[in-house]
C-alpha cells in the first residue's frame, strides 16, 4: 500500500540534477480536505525587495495512458 498523507498535509522533496533547467527544484504530493491527492511542484525565487518566495503548481496525479494504439 502506498503512503497517503493525512487530509490537508503534504510533503515536497528537493530534486537533484536540475541546474540549468526549468524543472521544479522541489516535488511532492499533498492531500486536500476531501481526501483527493495532488502532485505539487515548487520553484524558489525572490521578490524585487530580496524576500525569498516559492512559485507553486498543483496538478492532478499523472496517469499513464495504457490504451492500445
C-alpha atoms as a PDB file:
ATOM      1  CA  UNK A   1       0.000   0.000   0.000  1.00  0.00           C
ATOM      2  CA  UNK A   2       1.379   3.435  -0.961  1.00  0.00           C
ATOM      3  CA  UNK A   3       1.810   6.142   1.659  1.00  0.00           C
ATOM      4  CA  UNK A   4      -1.021   8.694   1.805  1.00  0.00           C
ATOM      5  CA  UNK A   5      -0.869  11.983   3.705  1.00  0.00           C
ATOM      6  CA  UNK A   6      -3.437  12.989   6.263  1.00  0.00           C
ATOM      7  CA  UNK A   7      -6.007  15.384   4.818  1.00  0.00           C
ATOM      8  CA  UNK A   8      -4.618  18.928   4.289  1.00  0.00           C
ATOM      9  CA  UNK A   9      -0.988  17.738   4.576  1.00  0.00           C
ATOM     10  CA  UNK A  10       1.767  17.114   2.064  1.00  0.00           C
ATOM     11  CA  UNK A  11       5.499  16.690   1.579  1.00  0.00           C
ATOM     12  CA  UNK A  12       7.956  18.008  -1.001  1.00  0.00           C
ATOM     13  CA  UNK A  13      11.473  16.769  -1.702  1.00  0.00           C
ATOM     14  CA  UNK A  14      14.451  18.604  -3.175  1.00  0.00           C
ATOM     15  CA  UNK A  15      15.259  17.306  -6.671  1.00  0.00           C
ATOM     16  CA  UNK A  16      18.815  16.515  -7.813  1.00  0.00           C
ATOM     17  CA  UNK A  17      20.490  17.468 -11.097  1.00  0.00           C
ATOM     18  CA  UNK A  18      18.076  20.185 -12.232  1.00  0.00           C
ATOM     19  CA  UNK A  19      20.581  23.034 -12.657  1.00  0.00           C
ATOM     20  CA  UNK A  20      20.128  24.918 -15.916  1.00  0.00           C
ATOM     21  CA  UNK A  21      16.621  23.541 -16.495  1.00  0.00           C
ATOM     22  CA  UNK A  22      13.124  24.855 -15.874  1.00  0.00           C
ATOM     23  CA  UNK A  23      12.236  21.733 -13.840  1.00  0.00           C
ATOM     24  CA  UNK A  24      10.924  22.344 -10.316  1.00  0.00           C
ATOM     25  CA  UNK A  25      13.514  22.320  -7.544  1.00  0.00           C
ATOM     26  CA  UNK A  26      11.048  20.615  -5.184  1.00  0.00           C
ATOM     27  CA  UNK A  27       8.374  18.000  -5.961  1.00  0.00           C
ATOM     28  CA  UNK A  28       5.928  16.051  -3.830  1.00  0.00           C
ATOM     29  CA  UNK A  29       2.316  15.285  -3.043  1.00  0.00           C
ATOM     30  CA  UNK A  30      -0.466  16.665  -0.875  1.00  0.00           C
ATOM     31  CA  UNK A  31      -3.989  15.666   0.099  1.00  0.00           C
ATOM     32  CA  UNK A  32      -6.984  18.046   0.061  1.00  0.00           C
ATOM     33  CA  UNK A  33      -9.579  18.294   2.861  1.00  0.00           C
ATOM     34  CA  UNK A  34     -11.838  15.939   0.875  1.00  0.00           C
ATOM     35  CA  UNK A  35      -9.049  13.328   0.607  1.00  0.00           C
ATOM     36  CA  UNK A  36      -8.048  13.848  -3.043  1.00  0.00           C
ATOM     37  CA  UNK A  37      -4.319  13.540  -3.770  1.00  0.00           C
ATOM     38  CA  UNK A  38      -2.417  16.079  -5.905  1.00  0.00           C
ATOM     39  CA  UNK A  39       1.159  16.461  -7.148  1.00  0.00           C
ATOM     40  CA  UNK A  40       2.996  19.610  -6.022  1.00  0.00           C
ATOM     41  CA  UNK A  41       5.941  21.382  -7.692  1.00  0.00           C
ATOM     42  CA  UNK A  42       7.884  24.353  -6.245  1.00  0.00           C
ATOM     43  CA  UNK A  43      10.404  26.760  -7.768  1.00  0.00           C
ATOM     44  CA  UNK A  44      12.358  29.073  -5.422  1.00  0.00           C
ATOM     45  CA  UNK A  45      12.672  32.733  -6.298  1.00  0.00           C
ATOM     46  CA  UNK A  46      12.758  36.169  -4.743  1.00  0.00           C
ATOM     47  CA  UNK A  47      10.914  39.454  -4.900  1.00  0.00           C
ATOM     48  CA  UNK A  48      12.429  42.716  -6.135  1.00  0.00           C
ATOM     49  CA  UNK A  49      12.998  43.545  -2.466  1.00  0.00           C
ATOM     50  CA  UNK A  50      15.018  40.338  -1.992  1.00  0.00           C
ATOM     51  CA  UNK A  51      12.464  38.325   0.005  1.00  0.00           C
ATOM     52  CA  UNK A  52      12.527  34.592  -0.686  1.00  0.00           C
ATOM     53  CA  UNK A  53       9.438  33.131  -2.361  1.00  0.00           C
ATOM     54  CA  UNK A  54       8.224  29.902  -3.943  1.00  0.00           C
ATOM     55  CA  UNK A  55       6.189  29.616  -7.113  1.00  0.00           C
ATOM     56  CA  UNK A  56       3.916  26.607  -6.794  1.00  0.00           C
ATOM     57  CA  UNK A  57       1.976  24.393  -9.199  1.00  0.00           C
ATOM     58  CA  UNK A  58      -0.592  21.780  -8.168  1.00  0.00           C
ATOM     59  CA  UNK A  59      -1.629  19.090 -10.653  1.00  0.00           C
ATOM     60  CA  UNK A  60      -3.843  16.033 -10.814  1.00  0.00           C
ATOM     61  CA  UNK A  61      -1.689  12.909 -10.369  1.00  0.00           C
ATOM     62  CA  UNK A  62      -0.088  11.689 -13.600  1.00  0.00           C
ATOM     63  CA  UNK A  63      -1.730   8.588 -15.022  1.00  0.00           C
ATOM     64  CA  UNK A  64      -0.051   6.725 -17.846  1.00  0.00           C
ATOM     65  CA  UNK A  65      -2.309   6.251 -20.864  1.00  0.00           C
ATOM     66  CA  UNK A  66      -2.480   2.494 -21.362  1.00  0.00           C
ATOM     67  CA  UNK A  67      -4.968   2.443 -24.210  1.00  0.00           C
ATOM     68  CA  UNK A  68      -3.900   0.444 -27.286  1.00  0.00           C
ATOM     69  CA  UNK A  69      -2.543   2.450 -30.185  1.00  0.00           C
END
